Protein backbone atom coordinates (compact mmCIF):
# COMPACT_ATOMS: atom_id res chain seq x y z
CA UNK A 1 -145.07 -184.99 9.85
CA UNK A 2 -145.32 -183.96 6.18
CA UNK A 3 -143.07 -185.92 3.85
CA UNK A 4 -140.74 -184.35 1.27
CA UNK A 5 -142.87 -185.08 -1.83
CA UNK A 6 -145.97 -183.51 -0.29
CA UNK A 7 -144.03 -180.35 0.54
CA UNK A 8 -142.55 -180.25 -2.97
CA UNK A 9 -145.99 -180.64 -4.54
CA UNK A 10 -147.40 -177.90 -2.33
CA UNK A 11 -144.52 -175.55 -3.18
CA UNK A 12 -144.79 -176.22 -6.92
CA UNK A 13 -148.54 -175.61 -6.94
CA UNK A 14 -148.10 -172.35 -5.04
CA UNK A 15 -145.30 -171.18 -7.36
CA UNK A 16 -147.50 -171.59 -10.45
CA UNK A 17 -149.90 -168.84 -9.40
CA UNK A 18 -149.30 -165.53 -11.11
CA UNK A 19 -149.26 -162.38 -8.99
CA UNK A 20 -151.74 -160.78 -11.44
CA UNK A 21 -154.07 -161.89 -14.21
CA UNK A 22 -152.63 -162.51 -17.69
CA UNK A 23 -154.64 -159.55 -18.99
CA UNK A 24 -152.92 -157.29 -16.45
CA UNK A 25 -149.52 -158.54 -17.64
CA UNK A 26 -150.52 -157.82 -21.25
CA UNK A 27 -151.73 -154.31 -20.45
CA UNK A 28 -148.61 -153.60 -18.39
CA UNK A 29 -146.33 -154.83 -21.16
CA UNK A 30 -148.19 -152.73 -23.71
CA UNK A 31 -147.86 -149.61 -21.56
CA UNK A 32 -144.11 -150.20 -21.11
CA UNK A 33 -143.75 -150.73 -24.87
CA UNK A 34 -145.63 -147.49 -25.66
CA UNK A 35 -143.48 -145.53 -23.20
CA UNK A 36 -140.27 -146.95 -24.71
CA UNK A 37 -141.51 -146.21 -28.24
CA UNK A 38 -142.40 -142.66 -27.24
CA UNK A 39 -138.95 -142.09 -25.74
CA UNK A 40 -137.17 -143.51 -28.80
CA UNK A 41 -139.19 -141.39 -31.20
CA UNK A 42 -138.69 -138.35 -28.99
CA UNK A 43 -134.90 -138.84 -28.92
CA UNK A 44 -134.86 -139.16 -32.70
CA UNK A 45 -135.65 -135.47 -33.17
């Protein structure tokens, strides 16, 4: 049977993996920022 510390280590290692690459997060954040900026500037008119 697996002891508690081994299960905790396995869970913590699995939780550290990102669902996408850091570059994808950066590109996604940039796109969201551009969309928000566009909407703010559009509402300013």
